């Protein structure tokens, strides 16, 4: 088992290194020279059956390859795959519900102690070990859920960022709209972007939350320009983005102040308020 874990760590480290190196055009060209089927392999790695860490790394490498070697990538096919993953990727770990239940359980235990009632039994010697074990288990579970949620955010950001690069190659208008799965008369994809924006307005605000919301806004411009969703759906998305702009204003200011430190340069621009105004112009 330890060997298996080490192999996974080695693969993950190698992938992360490649995702950094492939930001260079020369390295991206070299990757294609040495492995002409790399895009097919990485596209397959986006499937939910794979470790989420590997999926994140694959999306980041694909973004770099599409940026530097776009003529060697079947972009329409890749775009369909990535958008399909966005439609199905969850925003929260399922275990979060059980965390809420555990919070209620801890509150009940606290209330019981206040009234001299133990929910763990009458034998004090038996209570302490059991209670300590339960607390340790709960803490480990909460930590695991937090890690899972963090990875899911990174996954969503990576998919959205890759989507923006791919849509940019189609000039973000009519040519890209027909490739968006579920983007028929009901505007399912735009509704999905709205759900993502709404979700991150309700969660704890972090720089990656701002990044995800901004990516949704930029992608929504392409969807809305394609005229394949109703005006009401456009209005609802703009309303969600307006709420996000107001909710995240203070944190966005902090990110702008940070500038290029801590990898914040990609998050600072465009401003949410600017995105909001651009999208309002697309609503009839």
Protein backbone atom coordinates (compact mmCIF):
# COMPACT_ATOMS: atom_id res chain seq x y z
CA UNK A 1 0.00 0.00 0.00
CA UNK A 2 2.75 2.54 0.82
CA UNK A 3 4.32 1.84 -2.59
CA UNK A 4 1.00 2.60 -4.30
CA UNK A 5 0.72 5.87 -2.41
CA UNK A 6 4.27 6.82 -3.39
CA UNK A 7 3.48 6.11 -7.04
CA UNK A 8 0.45 8.37 -6.84
CA UNK A 9 2.52 11.11 -5.24
CA UNK A 10 5.18 10.80 -7.93
CA UNK A 11 2.58 11.00 -10.69
CA UNK A 12 0.93 14.00 -9.09
CA UNK A 13 4.25 15.80 -8.62
CA UNK A 14 5.30 15.04 -12.20
CA UNK A 15 1.96 16.32 -13.49
CA UNK A 16 2.15 19.53 -11.48
CA UNK A 17 5.68 20.12 -12.75
CA UNK A 18 4.54 19.59 -16.34
CA UNK A 19 1.60 21.97 -15.84
CA UNK A 20 4.10 24.68 -14.84
CA UNK A 21 6.65 23.93 -17.57
CA UNK A 22 3.99 23.77 -20.30
CA UNK A 23 3.24 27.47 -19.74
CA UNK A 24 6.27 27.95 -21.97
CA UNK A 25 5.53 27.72 -25.70
CA UNK A 26 8.80 25.87 -26.33
CA UNK A 27 7.94 23.19 -23.76
CA UNK A 28 4.40 22.82 -25.14
CA UNK A 29 5.82 22.24 -28.64
CA UNK A 30 8.30 19.72 -27.22
CA UNK A 31 5.48 17.85 -25.46
CA UNK A 32 3.64 17.43 -28.78
CA UNK A 33 6.85 16.37 -30.51
CA UNK A 34 7.49 13.63 -27.98
CA UNK A 35 3.85 12.59 -27.39
CA UNK A 36 1.52 13.35 -30.29
CA UNK A 37 -1.43 11.66 -28.54
CA UNK A 38 -1.05 13.70 -25.35
CA UNK A 39 -4.29 15.66 -25.85
CA UNK A 40 -6.38 12.50 -26.22
CA UNK A 41 -4.77 11.06 -23.10
CA UNK A 42 -5.31 14.20 -21.01
CA UNK A 43 -8.88 14.60 -22.29
CA UNK A 44 -9.62 11.08 -21.11
CA UNK A 45 -8.15 11.96 -17.71
CA UNK A 46 -10.91 14.56 -17.22
CA UNK A 47 -13.41 11.76 -16.61
CA UNK A 48 -14.91 11.60 -13.12
CA UNK A 49 -13.58 8.06 -12.66
CA UNK A 50 -10.08 9.48 -12.14
CA UNK A 51 -8.53 11.03 -9.04
CA UNK A 52 -9.64 14.67 -8.82
CA UNK A 53 -6.02 15.82 -8.43
CA UNK A 54 -5.11 14.20 -11.76
CA UNK A 55 -8.18 15.78 -13.39
CA UNK A 56 -7.14 19.25 -12.21
CA UNK A 57 -3.60 18.80 -13.51
CA UNK A 58 -4.85 17.46 -16.85
CA UNK A 59 -7.12 20.48 -17.35
CA UNK A 60 -4.27 22.88 -16.58
CA UNK A 61 -1.87 21.19 -19.01
CA UNK A 62 -4.57 21.14 -21.70
CA UNK A 63 -5.11 24.88 -21.23
CA UNK A 64 -1.41 25.54 -21.81
CA UNK A 65 -1.31 23.28 -24.88
CA UNK A 66 -4.39 24.97 -26.35
CA UNK A 67 -2.83 28.37 -25.74
CA UNK A 68 0.49 27.60 -27.44
CA UNK A 69 -0.34 24.83 -29.95
CA UNK A 70 -3.99 25.40 -30.81
CA UNK A 71 -3.58 24.16 -34.39
CA UNK A 72 -2.65 20.70 -33.09
CA UNK A 73 -5.71 20.35 -30.84
CA UNK A 74 -9.18 19.19 -31.92
CA UNK A 75 -10.73 22.13 -30.11
CA UNK A 76 -14.43 21.51 -30.92
CA UNK A 77 -14.21 17.97 -29.54
CA UNK A 78 -12.29 19.08 -26.45
CA UNK A 79 -14.74 21.94 -25.85
CA UNK A 80 -17.69 19.56 -25.89
CA UNK A 81 -15.96 17.29 -23.38
CA UNK A 82 -15.01 20.11 -21.01
CA UNK A 83 -18.45 21.72 -21.06
CA UNK A 84 -20.03 18.34 -20.41
CA UNK A 85 -17.82 17.96 -17.32
CA UNK A 86 -18.84 21.43 -16.09
CA UNK A 87 -22.50 20.45 -16.33
CA UNK A 88 -21.95 17.35 -14.20
CA UNK A 89 -19.18 18.34 -11.75
CA UNK A 90 -20.51 18.94 -8.23
CA UNK A 91 -19.69 22.09 -6.29
CA UNK A 92 -19.80 20.58 -2.80
CA UNK A 93 -18.76 17.25 -1.27
CA UNK A 94 -21.74 15.07 -0.37
CA UNK A 95 -20.30 14.59 3.12
CA UNK A 96 -21.11 18.19 4.03
CA UNK A 97 -24.64 17.15 4.98
CA UNK A 98 -23.28 14.76 7.59
CA UNK A 99 -21.11 17.59 8.95
CA UNK A 100 -24.26 19.56 9.70
CA UNK A 101 -25.68 16.54 11.46
CA UNK A 102 -22.50 16.23 13.51
CA UNK A 103 -22.78 19.89 14.52
CA UNK A 104 -26.29 19.23 15.80
CA UNK A 105 -25.03 16.17 17.68
CA UNK A 106 -22.27 18.18 19.38
CA UNK A 107 -24.79 20.87 20.35
CA UNK A 108 -27.08 18.25 21.86
CA UNK A 109 -24.18 16.83 23.88
CA UNK A 110 -23.30 20.31 25.15
CA UNK A 111 -26.90 20.97 26.21
CA UNK A 112 -27.03 17.62 27.97
CA UNK A 113 -23.92 18.42 30.00
CA UNK A 114 -25.39 21.79 31.04
CA UNK A 115 -28.33 19.98 32.60
CA UNK A 116 -26.23 17.25 34.18
CA UNK A 117 -27.27 14.68 31.60
CA UNK A 118 -24.68 12.64 29.75
CA UNK A 119 -25.52 11.33 26.32
CA UNK A 120 -22.59 8.95 26.51
CA UNK A 121 -23.65 6.95 29.55
CA UNK A 122 -23.14 7.05 33.31
CA UNK A 123 -19.70 5.51 33.57
CA UNK A 124 -17.24 8.45 33.48
CA UNK A 125 -14.31 6.15 32.81
CA UNK A 126 -16.04 4.84 29.72
CA UNK A 127 -17.23 8.27 28.61
CA UNK A 128 -13.84 9.97 28.18
CA UNK A 129 -12.20 7.53 25.75
CA UNK A 130 -15.38 7.23 23.68
CA UNK A 131 -15.91 10.98 23.64
CA UNK A 132 -12.28 11.66 22.70
CA UNK A 133 -12.42 9.07 19.92
CA UNK A 134 -15.61 10.63 18.58
CA UNK A 135 -14.09 14.11 18.63
CA UNK A 136 -10.97 12.87 16.84
CA UNK A 137 -13.12 11.13 14.23
CA UNK A 138 -15.29 14.21 13.73
CA UNK A 139 -12.27 16.51 13.40
CA UNK A 140 -10.69 14.18 10.84
CA UNK A 141 -13.97 14.02 8.92
CA UNK A 142 -14.36 17.81 8.86
CA UNK A 143 -10.76 18.21 7.69
CA UNK A 144 -11.33 15.65 4.94
CA UNK A 145 -14.51 17.42 3.78
CA UNK A 146 -12.68 20.77 3.71
CA UNK A 147 -9.91 19.25 1.61
CA UNK A 148 -12.46 17.70 -0.75
CA UNK A 149 -14.26 21.02 -1.12
CA UNK A 150 -10.97 22.80 -1.85
CA UNK A 151 -10.11 20.26 -4.55
CA UNK A 152 -13.57 20.61 -6.10
CA UNK A 153 -13.13 24.38 -6.31
CA UNK A 154 -9.77 23.93 -8.02
CA UNK A 155 -11.34 21.43 -10.42
CA UNK A 156 -14.14 23.81 -11.30
CA UNK A 157 -11.73 26.70 -11.78
CA UNK A 158 -9.48 24.61 -14.04
CA UNK A 159 -12.41 23.48 -16.22
CA UNK A 160 -13.82 27.00 -16.51
CA UNK A 161 -10.42 28.48 -17.32
CA UNK A 162 -9.86 25.88 -20.05
CA UNK A 163 -13.34 26.62 -21.41
CA UNK A 164 -12.57 30.33 -21.64
CA UNK A 165 -9.41 29.63 -23.64
CA UNK A 166 -11.29 27.33 -26.02
CA UNK A 167 -14.19 29.74 -26.49
CA UNK A 168 -11.69 32.50 -27.20
CA UNK A 169 -10.46 30.52 -30.19
CA UNK A 170 -13.99 30.63 -31.62
CA UNK A 171 -14.19 34.39 -31.06
CA UNK A 172 -16.68 33.71 -28.27
CA UNK A 173 -19.75 34.04 -30.46
CA UNK A 174 -21.95 32.07 -32.86
CA UNK A 175 -19.32 29.47 -33.78
CA UNK A 176 -19.02 28.29 -30.18
CA UNK A 177 -22.68 28.34 -29.17
CA UNK A 178 -23.76 25.21 -31.12
CA UNK A 179 -21.03 23.20 -29.36
CA UNK A 180 -22.36 23.93 -25.89
CA UNK A 181 -24.21 20.81 -24.67
CA UNK A 182 -27.67 21.45 -23.34
CA UNK A 183 -27.59 25.00 -24.68
CA UNK A 184 -30.88 24.65 -26.52
CA UNK A 185 -33.97 26.82 -26.10
CA UNK A 186 -33.89 26.28 -22.34
CA UNK A 187 -30.37 27.69 -22.01
CA UNK A 188 -29.32 24.88 -19.67
CA UNK A 189 -25.65 25.81 -19.74
CA UNK A 190 -26.28 29.44 -18.83
CA UNK A 191 -28.47 28.24 -15.96
CA UNK A 192 -25.62 26.01 -14.82
CA UNK A 193 -23.26 29.00 -14.78
CA UNK A 194 -25.85 30.93 -12.76
CA UNK A 195 -26.08 28.08 -10.23
CA UNK A 196 -22.29 28.12 -9.83
CA UNK A 197 -22.28 31.89 -9.24
CA UNK A 198 -25.11 31.61 -6.70
CA UNK A 199 -23.33 28.79 -4.88
CA UNK A 200 -20.10 30.74 -4.42
CA UNK A 201 -22.01 33.76 -3.11
CA UNK A 202 -23.36 31.58 -0.31
CA UNK A 203 -20.05 29.88 0.57
CA UNK A 204 -17.10 31.27 2.50
CA UNK A 205 -15.53 33.89 0.25
CA UNK A 206 -12.01 33.13 -0.97
CA UNK A 207 -9.87 34.34 -3.90
CA UNK A 208 -10.68 31.17 -5.83
CA UNK A 209 -14.39 31.93 -5.38
CA UNK A 210 -13.87 35.29 -7.11
CA UNK A 211 -11.89 33.60 -9.87
CA UNK A 212 -14.67 31.07 -10.51
CA UNK A 213 -17.39 33.74 -10.56
CA UNK A 214 -15.38 35.91 -12.99
CA UNK A 215 -14.77 32.95 -15.28
CA UNK A 216 -18.51 32.20 -15.27
CA UNK A 217 -19.20 35.82 -16.21
CA UNK A 218 -16.69 35.79 -19.07
CA UNK A 219 -18.01 32.48 -20.42
CA UNK A 220 -21.60 33.74 -20.08
CA UNK A 221 -20.75 36.53 -22.54
CA UNK A 222 -20.07 33.92 -25.21
CA UNK A 223 -23.25 32.02 -24.40
CA UNK A 224 -25.43 35.14 -24.37
CA UNK A 225 -23.98 36.44 -27.64
CA UNK A 226 -24.97 33.18 -29.29
CA UNK A 227 -28.67 34.06 -28.81
CA UNK A 228 -29.52 30.51 -27.78
CA UNK A 229 -31.05 31.36 -24.41
CA UNK A 230 -34.07 33.42 -23.44
CA UNK A 231 -33.91 37.04 -22.37
CA UNK A 232 -35.26 36.06 -18.93
CA UNK A 233 -32.37 33.63 -18.48
CA UNK A 234 -29.93 36.37 -19.42
CA UNK A 235 -31.54 38.73 -16.90
CA UNK A 236 -31.40 36.11 -14.14
CA UNK A 237 -27.72 35.49 -14.75
CA UNK A 238 -26.93 39.21 -14.69
CA UNK A 239 -28.87 39.54 -11.42
CA UNK A 240 -26.80 36.73 -9.89
CA UNK A 241 -23.56 38.33 -11.07
CA UNK A 242 -24.67 41.71 -9.69
CA UNK A 243 -25.28 40.12 -6.30
CA UNK A 244 -21.86 38.43 -6.47
CA UNK A 245 -20.21 41.74 -7.37
CA UNK A 246 -21.72 43.38 -4.30
CA UNK A 247 -21.01 40.44 -1.98
CA UNK A 248 -17.39 40.05 -3.10
CA UNK A 249 -16.51 43.75 -3.43
CA UNK A 250 -14.32 43.95 -0.31
CA UNK A 251 -12.43 40.75 -1.06
CA UNK A 252 -11.94 41.81 -4.68
CA UNK A 253 -10.37 45.06 -3.45
CA UNK A 254 -7.96 43.05 -1.30
CA UNK A 255 -7.04 40.88 -4.28
CA UNK A 256 -6.37 43.97 -6.40
CA UNK A 257 -4.22 45.43 -3.62
CA UNK A 258 -2.23 42.19 -3.44
CA UNK A 259 -1.41 42.53 -7.14
CA UNK A 260 0.91 39.88 -8.53
CA UNK A 261 1.79 38.48 -5.12
CA UNK A 262 0.66 34.99 -4.15
CA UNK A 263 -0.47 34.17 -7.71
CA UNK A 264 -3.30 36.72 -7.65
CA UNK A 265 -2.54 38.32 -11.03
CA UNK A 266 -5.09 36.17 -12.88
CA UNK A 267 -7.86 36.89 -10.38
CA UNK A 268 -7.68 40.69 -10.28
CA UNK A 269 -9.01 41.47 -13.74
CA UNK A 270 -11.55 41.98 -15.16
CA UNK A 271 -13.49 43.63 -12.35
CA UNK A 272 -16.83 42.07 -11.51
CA UNK A 273 -18.48 45.48 -11.92
CA UNK A 274 -17.06 45.76 -15.45
CA UNK A 275 -18.29 42.28 -16.31
CA UNK A 276 -21.70 43.19 -14.96
CA UNK A 277 -21.94 46.23 -17.24
CA UNK A 278 -20.82 44.25 -20.29
CA UNK A 279 -23.44 41.58 -19.66
CA UNK A 280 -26.19 44.14 -19.11
CA UNK A 281 -25.54 45.38 -22.65
CA UNK A 282 -26.36 41.88 -23.94
CA UNK A 283 -29.79 41.84 -22.29
CA UNK A 284 -32.57 43.17 -24.49
